Amino acid sequence: MTNLAAYFAALDELVRKTPLRIDRPRGSAHTRFPEVVYPVDHGYLEETAGRDREGVDVFRGSADGTGIVAVALTADLTRRDVEVKVLLDCSDDEIDRIEHFLHERLRLNAAIVRRE
């Protein structure tokens, strides 16, 4: 198993064992930037630790049952912050919309790493 495959396997287990809380449903506005609208559901894994201490971020799409399809690696130079965001049950179109959302709407440096 490659390191990347092992990484995604570990994420699978984390997602399987941890409740997902959606705090920003698809179509809702960002809390600090009301003109920024979420293209898919956004939330976090409860009882986990992300950079913001609110849990590991998750974008959940509409392709039910596909599982974790990618992660987004983000770097915010203004906040001097990096994060990993899990893309769960997302179609190819939704992955593209999330990437656009991160780059163009939130102005983050982001790379999408798709599952092999």
PDB file of N, CA and C in Angstrom:
ATOM      1  N   MET A   1       0.848  -1.178   0.000  1.00  0.00           N
ATOM      2  CA  MET A   1       0.000   0.000   0.000  1.00  0.00           C
ATOM      3  C   MET A   1       0.893   1.240   0.000  1.00  0.00           C
ATOM      4  N   THR A   2       0.613   2.178  -0.891  1.00  0.00           N
ATOM      5  CA  THR A   2       1.383   3.415  -0.934  1.00  0.00           C
ATOM      6  C   THR A   2       1.041   4.287   0.270  1.00  0.00           C
ATOM      7  N   ASN A   3       1.888   5.268   0.526  1.00  0.00           N
ATOM      8  CA  ASN A   3       1.619   6.195   1.624  1.00  0.00           C
ATOM      9  C   ASN A   3       0.298   6.933   1.412  1.00  0.00           C
ATOM     10  N   LEU A   4       0.008   7.316   0.169  1.00  0.00           N
ATOM     11  CA  LEU A   4      -1.232   8.031  -0.117  1.00  0.00           C
ATOM     12  C   LEU A   4      -2.440   7.121   0.109  1.00  0.00           C
ATOM     13  N   ALA A   5      -2.354   5.874  -0.310  1.00  0.00           N
ATOM     14  CA  ALA A   5      -3.447   4.925  -0.083  1.00  0.00           C
ATOM     15  C   ALA A   5      -3.652   4.694   1.410  1.00  0.00           C
ATOM     16  N   ALA A   6      -2.564   4.591   2.168  1.00  0.00           N
ATOM     17  CA  ALA A   6      -2.665   4.406   3.616  1.00  0.00           C
ATOM     18  C   ALA A   6      -3.277   5.641   4.275  1.00  0.00           C
ATOM     19  N   TYR A   7      -2.932   6.809   3.777  1.00  0.00           N
ATOM     20  CA  TYR A   7      -3.500   8.059   4.301  1.00  0.00           C
ATOM     21  C   TYR A   7      -5.016   8.073   4.103  1.00  0.00           C
ATOM     22  N   PHE A   8      -5.467   7.765   2.892  1.00  0.00           N
ATOM     23  CA  PHE A   8      -6.909   7.748   2.630  1.00  0.00           C
ATOM     24  C   PHE A   8      -7.607   6.648   3.428  1.00  0.00           C
ATOM     25  N   ALA A   9      -6.953   5.515   3.644  1.00  0.00           N
ATOM     26  CA  ALA A   9      -7.533   4.445   4.458  1.00  0.00           C
ATOM     27  C   ALA A   9      -7.717   4.921   5.901  1.00  0.00           C
ATOM     28  N   ALA A  10      -6.752   5.657   6.422  1.00  0.00           N
ATOM     29  CA  ALA A  10      -6.876   6.203   7.775  1.00  0.00           C
ATOM     30  C   ALA A  10      -8.025   7.209   7.843  1.00  0.00           C
ATOM     31  N   LEU A  11      -8.161   8.049   6.821  1.00  0.00           N
ATOM     32  CA  LEU A  11      -9.283   8.991   6.782  1.00  0.00           C
ATOM     33  C   LEU A  11     -10.616   8.252   6.711  1.00  0.00           C
ATOM     34  N   ASP A  12     -10.685   7.170   5.927  1.00  0.00           N
ATOM     35  CA  ASP A  12     -11.901   6.360   5.860  1.00  0.00           C
ATOM     36  C   ASP A  12     -12.321   5.907   7.254  1.00  0.00           C
ATOM     37  N   GLU A  13     -11.363   5.404   8.011  1.00  0.00           N
ATOM     38  CA  GLU A  13     -11.670   4.922   9.353  1.00  0.00           C
ATOM     39  C   GLU A  13     -12.126   6.069  10.255  1.00  0.00           C
ATOM     40  N   LEU A  14     -11.461   7.200  10.177  1.00  0.00           N
ATOM     41  CA  LEU A  14     -11.843   8.358  10.983  1.00  0.00           C
ATOM     42  C   LEU A  14     -13.276   8.797  10.662  1.00  0.00           C
ATOM     43  N   VAL A  15     -13.604   8.891   9.383  1.00  0.00           N
ATOM     44  CA  VAL A  15     -14.953   9.310   8.967  1.00  0.00           C
ATOM     45  C   VAL A  15     -15.993   8.267   9.379  1.00  0.00           C
ATOM     46  N   ARG A  16     -15.656   7.017   9.254  1.00  0.00           N
ATOM     47  CA  ARG A  16     -16.589   5.936   9.610  1.00  0.00           C
ATOM     48  C   ARG A  16     -16.915   5.951  11.104  1.00  0.00           C
ATOM     49  N   LYS A  17     -15.952   6.322  11.939  1.00  0.00           N
ATOM     50  CA  LYS A  17     -16.111   6.250  13.393  1.00  0.00           C
ATOM     51  C   LYS A  17     -16.521   7.573  14.047  1.00  0.00           C
ATOM     52  N   THR A  18     -16.627   8.640  13.266  1.00  0.00           N
ATOM     53  CA  THR A  18     -16.830   9.958  13.845  1.00  0.00           C
ATOM     54  C   THR A  18     -18.066  10.629  13.265  1.00  0.00           C
ATOM     55  N   PRO A  19     -18.943  11.159  14.114  1.00  0.00           N
ATOM     56  CA  PRO A  19     -20.116  11.871  13.606  1.00  0.00           C
ATOM     57  C   PRO A  19     -19.722  13.124  12.817  1.00  0.00           C
ATOM     58  N   LEU A  20     -20.424  13.345  11.732  1.00  0.00           N
ATOM     59  CA  LEU A  20     -20.232  14.527  10.896  1.00  0.00           C
ATOM     60  C   LEU A  20     -21.320  15.538  11.227  1.00  0.00           C
ATOM     61  N   ARG A  21     -20.922  16.747  11.557  1.00  0.00           N
ATOM     62  CA  ARG A  21     -21.874  17.822  11.836  1.00  0.00           C
ATOM     63  C   ARG A  21     -21.813  18.824  10.686  1.00  0.00           C
ATOM     64  N   ILE A  22     -22.915  18.994   9.983  1.00  0.00           N
ATOM     65  CA  ILE A  22     -23.004  19.989   8.908  1.00  0.00           C
ATOM     66  C   ILE A  22     -23.442  21.302   9.534  1.00  0.00           C
ATOM     67  N   ASP A  23     -22.571  22.303   9.465  1.00  0.00           N
ATOM     68  CA  ASP A  23     -22.916  23.604  10.032  1.00  0.00           C
ATOM     69  C   ASP A  23     -23.165  24.677   8.974  1.00  0.00           C
ATOM     70  N   ARG A  24     -22.835  24.356   7.714  1.00  0.00           N
ATOM     71  CA  ARG A  24     -23.096  25.275   6.612  1.00  0.00           C
ATOM     72  C   ARG A  24     -23.660  24.475   5.440  1.00  0.00           C
ATOM     73  N   PRO A  25     -24.983  24.358   5.360  1.00  0.00           N
ATOM     74  CA  PRO A  25     -25.587  23.595   4.270  1.00  0.00           C
ATOM     75  C   PRO A  25     -25.314  24.236   2.903  1.00  0.00           C
ATOM     76  N   ARG A  26     -25.357  23.392   1.870  1.00  0.00           N
ATOM     77  CA  ARG A  26     -25.199  23.889   0.491  1.00  0.00           C
ATOM     78  C   ARG A  26     -26.130  25.076   0.282  1.00  0.00           C
ATOM     79  N   GLY A  27     -25.606  26.138  -0.304  1.00  0.00           N
ATOM     80  CA  GLY A  27     -26.393  27.333  -0.592  1.00  0.00           C
ATOM     81  C   GLY A  27     -26.380  28.368   0.521  1.00  0.00           C
ATOM     82  N   SER A  28     -25.775  28.041   1.673  1.00  0.00           N
ATOM     83  CA  SER A  28     -25.723  29.023   2.766  1.00  0.00           C
ATOM     84  C   SER A  28     -24.508  29.935   2.591  1.00  0.00           C
ATOM     85  N   ALA A  29     -24.573  31.081   3.242  1.00  0.00           N
ATOM     86  CA  ALA A  29     -23.507  32.076   3.134  1.00  0.00           C
ATOM     87  C   ALA A  29     -22.419  31.825   4.181  1.00  0.00           C
ATOM     88  N   HIS A  30     -21.200  32.191   3.836  1.00  0.00           N
ATOM     89  CA  HIS A  30     -20.073  32.142   4.760  1.00  0.00           C
ATOM     90  C   HIS A  30     -20.344  33.115   5.900  1.00  0.00           C
ATOM     91  N   THR A  31     -19.914  32.768   7.107  1.00  0.00           N
ATOM     92  CA  THR A  31     -20.208  33.607   8.276  1.00  0.00           C
ATOM     93  C   THR A  31     -19.540  34.982   8.213  1.00  0.00           C
ATOM     94  N   ARG A  32     -18.325  35.064   7.704  1.00  0.00           N
ATOM     95  CA  ARG A  32     -17.629  36.365   7.629  1.00  0.00           C
ATOM     96  C   ARG A  32     -17.817  37.081   6.304  1.00  0.00           C
ATOM     97  N   PHE A  33     -18.167  36.334   5.260  1.00  0.00           N
ATOM     98  CA  PHE A  33     -18.295  36.915   3.926  1.00  0.00           C
ATOM     99  C   PHE A  33     -19.654  36.526   3.348  1.00  0.00           C
ATOM    100  N   PRO A  34     -20.713  37.282   3.616  1.00  0.00           N
ATOM    101  CA  PRO A  34     -22.058  36.877   3.212  1.00  0.00           C
ATOM    102  C   PRO A  34     -22.244  36.719   1.701  1.00  0.00           C
ATOM    103  N   GLU A  35     -21.365  37.297   0.904  1.00  0.00           N
ATOM    104  CA  GLU A  35     -21.475  37.152  -0.550  1.00  0.00           C
ATOM    105  C   GLU A  35     -20.915  35.812  -1.031  1.00  0.00           C
ATOM    106  N   VAL A  36     -20.237  35.075  -0.142  1.00  0.00           N
ATOM    107  CA  VAL A  36     -19.641  33.786  -0.470  1.00  0.00           C
ATOM    108  C   VAL A  36     -20.615  32.681  -0.074  1.00  0.00           C
ATOM    109  N   VAL A  37     -21.056  31.885  -1.074  1.00  0.00           N
ATOM    110  CA  VAL A  37     -22.065  30.853  -0.859  1.00  0.00           C
ATOM    111  C   VAL A  37     -21.429  29.474  -1.039  1.00  0.00           C
ATOM    112  N   TYR A  38     -21.703  28.583  -0.110  1.00  0.00           N
ATOM    113  CA  TYR A  38     -21.136  27.233  -0.151  1.00  0.00           C
ATOM    114  C   TYR A  38     -21.752  26.413  -1.277  1.00  0.00           C
ATOM    115  N   PRO A  39     -20.898  25.777  -2.119  1.00  0.00           N
ATOM    116  CA  PRO A  39     -21.407  25.004  -3.262  1.00  0.00           C
ATOM    117  C   PRO A  39     -21.927  23.612  -2.871  1.00  0.00           C
ATOM    118  N   VAL A  40     -21.497  23.091  -1.729  1.00  0.00           N
ATOM    119  CA  VAL A  40     -21.944  21.792  -1.186  1.00  0.00           C
ATOM    120  C   VAL A  40     -22.032  21.953   0.333  1.00  0.00           C
ATOM    121  N   ASP A  41     -22.587  20.939   1.002  1.00  0.00           N
ATOM    122  CA  ASP A  41     -22.616  20.973   2.466  1.00  0.00           C
ATOM    123  C   ASP A  41     -21.198  21.072   3.020  1.00  0.00           C
ATOM    124  N   HIS A  42     -21.050  21.833   4.103  1.00  0.00           N
ATOM    125  CA  HIS A  42     -19.752  21.958   4.770  1.00  0.00           C
ATOM    126  C   HIS A  42     -19.966  21.749   6.263  1.00  0.00           C
ATOM    127  N   GLY A  43     -19.058  21.035   6.862  1.00  0.00           N
ATOM    128  CA  GLY A  43     -19.133  20.813   8.302  1.00  0.00           C
ATOM    129  C   GLY A  43     -17.804  20.322   8.829  1.00  0.00           C
ATOM    130  N   TYR A  44     -17.888  19.569   9.922  1.00  0.00           N
ATOM    131  CA  TYR A  44     -16.669  19.072  10.542  1.00  0.00           C
ATOM    132  C   TYR A  44     -16.945  17.760  11.253  1.00  0.00           C
ATOM    133  N   LEU A  45     -15.887  17.021  11.484  1.00  0.00           N
ATOM    134  CA  LEU A  45     -15.980  15.774  12.224  1.00  0.00           C
ATOM    135  C   LEU A  45     -15.911  16.101  13.713  1.00  0.00           C
ATOM    136  N   GLU A  46     -16.936  15.707  14.446  1.00  0.00           N
ATOM    137  CA  GLU A  46     -16.970  15.969  15.879  1.00  0.00           C
ATOM    138  C   GLU A  46     -15.825  15.239  16.579  1.00  0.00           C
ATOM    139  N   GLU A  47     -15.374  15.802  17.675  1.00  0.00           N
ATOM    140  CA  GLU A  47     -14.335  15.192  18.512  1.00  0.00           C
ATOM    141  C   GLU A  47     -13.027  14.961  17.765  1.00  0.00           C
ATOM    142  N   THR A  48     -12.747  15.821  16.796  1.00  0.00           N
ATOM    143  CA  THR A  48     -11.456  15.808  16.114  1.00  0.00           C
ATOM    144  C   THR A  48     -10.874  17.209  16.251  1.00  0.00           C
ATOM    145  N   ALA A  49      -9.627  17.366  15.880  1.00  0.00           N
ATOM    146  CA  ALA A  49      -8.972  18.660  16.026  1.00  0.00           C
ATOM    147  C   ALA A  49      -8.425  19.129  14.692  1.00  0.00           C
ATOM    148  N   GLY A  50      -9.002  20.196  14.174  1.00  0.00           N
ATOM    149  CA  GLY A  50      -8.464  20.886  13.021  1.00  0.00           C
ATOM    150  C   GLY A  50      -7.731  22.121  13.498  1.00  0.00           C
ATOM    151  N   ARG A  51      -7.196  22.874  12.597  1.00  0.00           N
ATOM    152  CA  ARG A  51      -6.455  24.079  12.951  1.00  0.00           C
ATOM    153  C   ARG A  51      -7.312  25.047  13.751  1.00  0.00           C
ATOM    154  N   ASP A  52      -8.592  25.133  13.409  1.00  0.00           N
ATOM    155  CA  ASP A  52      -9.474  26.082  14.094  1.00  0.00           C
ATOM    156  C   ASP A  52     -10.078  25.504  15.375  1.00  0.00           C
ATOM    157  N   ARG A  53      -9.662  24.306  15.744  1.00  0.00           N
ATOM    158  CA  ARG A  53     -10.098  23.606  16.954  1.00  0.00           C
ATOM    159  C   ARG A  53     -11.586  23.259  16.949  1.00  0.00           C
ATOM    160  N   GLU A  54     -12.217  23.350  15.803  1.00  0.00           N
ATOM    161  CA  GLU A  54     -13.623  22.991  15.671  1.00  0.00           C
ATOM    162  C   GLU A  54     -13.813  21.658  14.979  1.00  0.00           C
ATOM    163  N   GLY A  55     -12.764  20.959  14.733  1.00  0.00           N
ATOM    164  CA  GLY A  55     -12.853  19.670  14.074  1.00  0.00           C
ATOM    165  C   GLY A  55     -12.328  19.714  12.656  1.00  0.00           C
ATOM    166  N   VAL A  56     -12.051  18.537  12.126  1.00  0.00           N
ATOM    167  CA  VAL A  56     -11.554  18.406  10.759  1.00  0.00           C
ATOM    168  C   VAL A  56     -12.666  18.816   9.791  1.00  0.00           C
ATOM    169  N   ASP A  57     -12.361  19.751   8.888  1.00  0.00           N
ATOM    170  CA  ASP A  57     -13.340  20.252   7.916  1.00  0.00           C
ATOM    171  C   ASP A  57     -13.701  19.184   6.891  1.00  0.00           C
ATOM    172  N   VAL A  58     -14.994  19.169   6.528  1.00  0.00           N
ATOM    173  CA  VAL A  58     -15.498  18.222   5.526  1.00  0.00           C
ATOM    174  C   VAL A  58     -16.435  18.949   4.572  1.00  0.00           C
ATOM    175  N   PHE A  59     -16.213  18.749   3.277  1.00  0.00           N
ATOM    176  CA  PHE A  59     -17.182  19.136   2.250  1.00  0.00           C
ATOM    177  C   PHE A  59     -17.916  17.864   1.867  1.00  0.00           C
ATOM    178  N   ARG A  60     -19.253  17.855   1.966  1.00  0.00           N
ATOM    179  CA  ARG A  60     -20.035  16.671   1.606  1.00  0.00           C
ATOM    180  C   ARG A  60     -20.898  16.982   0.389  1.00  0.00           C
ATOM    181  N   GLY A  61     -20.698  16.195  -0.651  1.00  0.00           N
ATOM    182  CA  GLY A  61     -21.440  16.387  -1.891  1.00  0.00           C
ATOM    183  C   GLY A  61     -22.674  15.516  -1.963  1.00  0.00           C
ATOM    184  N   SER A  62     -23.178  15.348  -3.174  1.00  0.00           N
ATOM    185  CA  SER A  62     -24.450  14.656  -3.406  1.00  0.00           C
ATOM    186  C   SER A  62     -24.292  13.239  -3.952  1.00  0.00           C
ATOM    187  N   ALA A  63     -23.050  12.764  -4.121  1.00  0.00           N
ATOM    188  CA  ALA A  63     -22.809  11.429  -4.674  1.00  0.00           C
ATOM    189  C   ALA A  63     -22.760  10.415  -3.521  1.00  0.00           C
ATOM    190  N   ASP A  64     -23.904  10.201  -2.889  1.00  0.00           N
ATOM    191  CA  ASP A  64     -23.986   9.335  -1.711  1.00  0.00           C
ATOM    192  C   ASP A  64     -23.307   7.991  -1.939  1.00  0.00           C
ATOM    193  N   GLY A  65     -22.524   7.596  -0.945  1.00  0.00           N
ATOM    194  CA  GLY A  65     -21.903   6.286  -0.981  1.00  0.00           C
ATOM    195  C   GLY A  65     -20.548   6.214  -1.655  1.00  0.00           C
ATOM    196  N   THR A  66     -20.070   7.302  -2.243  1.00  0.00           N
ATOM    197  CA  THR A  66     -18.760   7.250  -2.904  1.00  0.00           C
ATOM    198  C   THR A  66     -17.621   7.386  -1.906  1.00  0.00           C
ATOM    199  N   GLY A  67     -17.915   7.871  -0.712  1.00  0.00           N
ATOM    200  CA  GLY A  67     -16.890   7.990   0.323  1.00  0.00           C
ATOM    201  C   GLY A  67     -15.954   9.156   0.081  1.00  0.00           C
ATOM    202  N   ILE A  68     -14.791   9.047   0.671  1.00  0.00           N
ATOM    203  CA  ILE A  68     -13.795  10.119   0.538  1.00  0.00           C
ATOM    204  C   ILE A  68     -13.182  10.027  -0.854  1.00  0.00           C
ATOM    205  N   VAL A  69     -13.329  11.093  -1.622  1.00  0.00           N
ATOM    206  CA  VAL A  69     -12.839  11.092  -2.999  1.00  0.00           C
ATOM    207  C   VAL A  69     -11.587  11.946  -3.176  1.00  0.00           C
ATOM    208  N   ALA A  70     -11.331  12.832  -2.206  1.00  0.00           N
ATOM    209  CA  ALA A  70     -10.184  13.734  -2.315  1.00  0.00           C
ATOM    210  C   ALA A  70     -10.008  14.473  -0.998  1.00  0.00           C
ATOM    211  N   VAL A  71      -8.904  15.179  -0.904  1.00  0.00           N
ATOM    212  CA  VAL A  71      -8.702  16.151   0.158  1.00  0.00           C
ATOM    213  C   VAL A  71      -8.260  17.453  -0.488  1.00  0.00           C
ATOM    214  N   ALA A  72      -8.587  18.543   0.173  1.00  0.00           N
ATOM    215  CA  ALA A  72      -8.109  19.857  -0.260  1.00  0.00           C
ATOM    216  C   ALA A  72      -7.059  20.310   0.740  1.00  0.00           C
ATOM    217  N   LEU A  73      -5.902  20.655   0.235  1.00  0.00           N
ATOM    218  CA  LEU A  73      -4.828  21.198   1.057  1.00  0.00           C
ATOM    219  C   LEU A  73      -4.839  22.703   0.856  1.00  0.00           C
ATOM    220  N   THR A  74      -5.021  23.466   1.932  1.00  0.00           N
ATOM    221  CA  THR A  74      -5.118  24.911   1.789  1.00  0.00           C
ATOM    222  C   THR A  74      -4.024  25.618   2.581  1.00  0.00           C
ATOM    223  N   ALA A  75      -3.609  26.750   2.061  1.00  0.00           N
ATOM    224  CA  ALA A  75      -2.647  27.614   2.737  1.00  0.00           C
ATOM    225  C   ALA A  75      -3.164  29.040   2.673  1.00  0.00           C
ATOM    226  N   ASP A  76      -3.362  29.631   3.830  1.00  0.00           N
ATOM    227  CA  ASP A  76      -3.820  31.014   3.938  1.00  0.00           C
ATOM    228  C   ASP A  76      -2.637  31.836   4.433  1.00  0.00           C
ATOM    229  N   LEU A  77      -1.999  32.573   3.523  1.00  0.00           N
ATOM    230  CA  LEU A  77      -0.801  33.325   3.880  1.00  0.00           C
ATOM    231  C   LEU A  77      -1.108  34.488   4.808  1.00  0.00           C
ATOM    232  N   THR A  78      -2.304  35.046   4.728  1.00  0.00           N
ATOM    233  CA  THR A  78      -2.691  36.149   5.606  1.00  0.00           C
ATOM    234  C   THR A  78      -2.772  35.675   7.054  1.00  0.00           C
ATOM    235  N   ARG A  79      -3.402  34.524   7.252  1.00  0.00           N
ATOM    236  CA  ARG A  79      -3.558  33.981   8.610  1.00  0.00           C
ATOM    237  C   ARG A  79      -2.390  33.086   9.014  1.00  0.00           C
ATOM    238  N   ARG A  80      -1.469  32.846   8.060  1.00  0.00           N
ATOM    239  CA  ARG A  80      -0.326  31.967   8.311  1.00  0.00           C
ATOM    240  C   ARG A  80      -0.815  30.600   8.791  1.00  0.00           C
ATOM    241  N   ASP A  81      -1.689  30.006   7.973  1.00  0.00           N
ATOM    242  CA  ASP A  81      -2.435  28.822   8.362  1.00  0.00           C
ATOM    243  C   ASP A  81      -2.474  27.822   7.219  1.00  0.00           C
ATOM    244  N   VAL A  82      -2.368  26.549   7.546  1.00  0.00           N
ATOM    245  CA  VAL A  82      -2.590  25.479   6.571  1.00  0.00           C
ATOM    246  C   VAL A  82      -3.604  24.500   7.147  1.00  0.00           C
ATOM    247  N   GLU A  83      -4.395  23.888   6.266  1.00  0.00           N
ATOM    248  CA  GLU A  83      -5.429  22.950   6.690  1.00  0.00           C
ATOM    249  C   GLU A  83      -5.606  21.846   5.655  1.00  0.00           C
ATOM    250  N   VAL A  84      -6.203  20.753   6.113  1.00  0.00           N
ATOM    251  CA  VAL A  84      -6.655  19.672   5.248  1.00  0.00           C
ATOM    252  C   VAL A  84      -8.166  19.616   5.360  1.00  0.00           C
ATOM    253  N   LYS A  85      -8.847  19.581   4.220  1.00  0.00           N
ATOM    254  CA  LYS A  85     -10.304  19.497   4.187  1.00  0.00           C
ATOM    255  C   LYS A  85     -10.683  18.226   3.430  1.00  0.00           C
ATOM    256  N   VAL A  86     -11.542  17.417   4.028  1.00  0.00           N
ATOM    257  CA  VAL A  86     -11.952  16.145   3.449  1.00  0.00           C
ATOM    258  C   VAL A  86     -13.104  16.377   2.479  1.00  0.00           C
ATOM    259  N   LEU A  87     -13.039  15.777   1.289  1.00  0.00           N
ATOM    260  CA  LEU A  87     -14.124  15.831   0.310  1.00  0.00           C
ATOM    261  C   LEU A  87     -14.814  14.477   0.303  1.00  0.00           C
ATOM    262  N   LEU A  88     -16.043  14.455   0.794  1.00  0.00           N
ATOM    263  CA  LEU A  88     -16.796  13.231   1.009  1.00  0.00           C
ATOM    264  C   LEU A  88     -17.993  13.198   0.073  1.00  0.00           C
ATOM    265  N   ASP A  89     -18.188  12.070  -0.609  1.00  0.00           N
ATOM    266  CA  ASP A  89     -19.360  11.869  -1.477  1.00  0.00           C
ATOM    267  C   ASP A  89     -19.518  12.984  -2.515  1.00  0.00           C
ATOM    268  N   CYS A  90     -18.421  13.426  -3.086  1.00  0.00           N
ATOM    269  CA  CYS A  90     -18.448  14.512  -4.072  1.00  0.00           C
ATOM    270  C   CYS A  90     -18.286  13.966  -5.491  1.00  0.00           C
ATOM    271  N   SER A  91     -19.074  14.503  -6.399  1.00  0.00           N
ATOM    272  CA  SER A  91     -18.925  14.189  -7.822  1.00  0.00           C
ATOM    273  C   SER A  91     -17.741  14.985  -8.374  1.00  0.00           C
ATOM    274  N   ASP A  92     -17.320  14.651  -9.592  1.00  0.00           N
ATOM    275  CA  ASP A  92     -16.237  15.410 -10.227  1.00  0.00           C
ATOM    276  C   ASP A  92     -16.603  16.880 -10.357  1.00  0.00           C
ATOM    277  N   ASP A  93     -17.846  17.171 -10.734  1.00  0.00           N
ATOM    278  CA  ASP A  93     -18.297  18.553 -10.853  1.00  0.00           C
ATOM    279  C   ASP A  93     -18.242  19.271  -9.501  1.00  0.00           C
ATOM    280  N   GLU A  94     -18.649  18.582  -8.443  1.00  0.00           N
ATOM    281  CA  GLU A  94     -18.610  19.196  -7.115  1.00  0.00           C
ATOM    282  C   GLU A  94     -17.176  19.446  -6.655  1.00  0.00           C
ATOM    283  N   ILE A  95     -16.251  18.538  -6.986  1.00  0.00           N
ATOM    284  CA  ILE A  95     -14.841  18.757  -6.660  1.00  0.00           C
ATOM    285  C   ILE A  95     -14.346  20.014  -7.360  1.00  0.00           C
ATOM    286  N   ASP A  96     -14.686  20.183  -8.625  1.00  0.00           N
ATOM    287  CA  ASP A  96     -14.288  21.385  -9.368  1.00  0.00           C
ATOM    288  C   ASP A  96     -14.884  22.641  -8.734  1.00  0.00           C
ATOM    289  N   ARG A  97     -16.155  22.572  -8.301  1.00  0.00           N
ATOM    290  CA  ARG A  97     -16.795  23.737  -7.669  1.00  0.00           C
ATOM    291  C   ARG A  97     -16.162  24.059  -6.318  1.00  0.00           C
ATOM    292  N   ILE A  98     -15.773  23.042  -5.566  1.00  0.00           N
ATOM    293  CA  ILE A  98     -15.094  23.265  -4.285  1.00  0.00           C
ATOM    294  C   ILE A  98     -13.745  23.935  -4.528  1.00  0.00           C
ATOM    295  N   GLU A  99     -13.009  23.439  -5.520  1.00  0.00           N
ATOM    296  CA  GLU A  99     -11.709  24.039  -5.836  1.00  0.00           C
ATOM    297  C   GLU A  99     -11.878  25.511  -6.217  1.00  0.00           C
ATOM    298  N   HIS A 100     -12.855  25.811  -7.045  1.00  0.00           N
ATOM    299  CA  HIS A 100     -13.132  27.195  -7.423  1.00  0.00           C
ATOM    300  C   HIS A 100     -13.521  28.018  -6.185  1.00  0.00           C
ATOM    301  N   PHE A 101     -14.361  27.467  -5.337  1.00  0.00           N
ATOM    302  CA  PHE A 101     -14.795  28.130  -4.107  1.00  0.00           C
ATOM    303  C   PHE A 101     -13.591  28.499  -3.234  1.00  0.00           C
ATOM    304  N   LEU A 102     -12.672  27.553  -3.048  1.00  0.00           N
ATOM    305  CA  LEU A 102     -11.504  27.811  -2.208  1.00  0.00           C
ATOM    306  C   LEU A 102     -10.594  28.863  -2.816  1.00  0.00           C
ATOM    307  N   HIS A 103     -10.331  28.754  -4.136  1.00  0.00           N
ATOM    308  CA  HIS A 103      -9.431  29.685  -4.819  1.00  0.00           C
ATOM    309  C   HIS A 103     -10.058  31.061  -4.999  1.00  0.00           C
ATOM    310  N   GLU A 104     -11.202  31.084  -5.643  1.00  0.00           N
ATOM    311  CA  GLU A 104     -11.782  32.351  -6.097  1.00  0.00           C
ATOM    312  C   GLU A 104     -12.633  33.054  -5.048  1.00  0.00           C
ATOM    313  N   ARG A 105     -13.340  32.308  -4.243  1.00  0.00           N
ATOM    314  CA  ARG A 105     -14.244  32.928  -3.273  1.00  0.00           C
ATOM    315  C   ARG A 105     -13.569  33.172  -1.931  1.00  0.00           C
ATOM    316  N   LEU A 106     -12.796  32.187  -1.429  1.00  0.00           N
ATOM    317  CA  LEU A 106     -12.124  32.358  -0.140  1.00  0.00           C
ATOM    318  C   LEU A 106     -10.693  32.863  -0.284  1.00  0.00           C
ATOM    319  N   ARG A 107     -10.205  32.912  -1.533  1.00  0.00           N
ATOM    320  CA  ARG A 107      -8.858  33.424  -1.827  1.00  0.00           C
ATOM    321  C   ARG A 107      -7.757  32.655  -1.101  1.00  0.00           C
ATOM    322  N   LEU A 108      -7.910  31.330  -1.061  1.00  0.00           N
ATOM    323  CA  LEU A 108      -6.910  30.462  -0.454  1.00  0.00           C
ATOM    324  C   LEU A 108      -6.049  29.836  -1.540  1.00  0.00           C
ATOM    325  N   ASN A 109      -4.806  29.589  -1.213  1.00  0.00           N
ATOM    326  CA  ASN A 109      -3.977  28.743  -2.060  1.00  0.00           C
ATOM    327  C   ASN A 109      -4.415  27.320  -1.746  1.00  0.00           C
ATOM    328  N   ALA A 110      -4.866  26.598  -2.739  1.00  0.00           N
ATOM    329  CA  ALA A 110      -5.410  25.267  -2.484  1.00  0.00           C
ATOM    330  C   ALA A 110      -4.986  24.289  -3.566  1.00  0.00           C
ATOM    331  N   ALA A 111      -4.779  23.058  -3.139  1.00  0.00           N
ATOM    332  CA  ALA A 111      -4.497  21.964  -4.062  1.00  0.00           C
ATOM    333  C   ALA A 111      -5.439  20.827  -3.710  1.00  0.00           C
ATOM    334  N   ILE A 112      -6.053  20.245  -4.734  1.00  0.00           N
ATOM    335  CA  ILE A 112      -6.925  19.096  -4.546  1.00  0.00           C
ATOM    336  C   ILE A 112      -6.107  17.832  -4.818  1.00  0.00           C
ATOM    337  N   VAL A 113      -6.100  16.919  -3.873  1.00  0.00           N
ATOM    338  CA  VAL A 113      -5.424  15.635  -4.045  1.00  0.00           C
ATOM    339  C   VAL A 113      -6.522  14.592  -4.133  1.00  0.00           C
ATOM    340  N   ARG A 114      -6.692  14.048  -5.343  1.00  0.00           N
ATOM    341  CA  ARG A 114      -7.747  13.061  -5.571  1.00  0.00           C
ATOM    342  C   ARG A 114      -7.256  11.675  -5.175  1.00  0.00           C
ATOM    343  N   ARG A 115      -8.194  10.910  -4.696  1.00  0.00           N
ATOM    344  CA  ARG A 115      -7.898   9.533  -4.322  1.00  0.00           C
ATOM    345  C   ARG A 115      -7.590   8.728  -5.580  1.00  0.00           C
ATOM    346  N   GLU A 116      -6.591   7.881  -5.518  1.00  0.00           N
ATOM    347  CA  GLU A 116      -6.214   7.059  -6.682  1.00  0.00           C
ATOM    348  C   GLU A 116      -7.145   5.886  -6.837  1.00  0.00           C
TER     349      GLU A 116
END
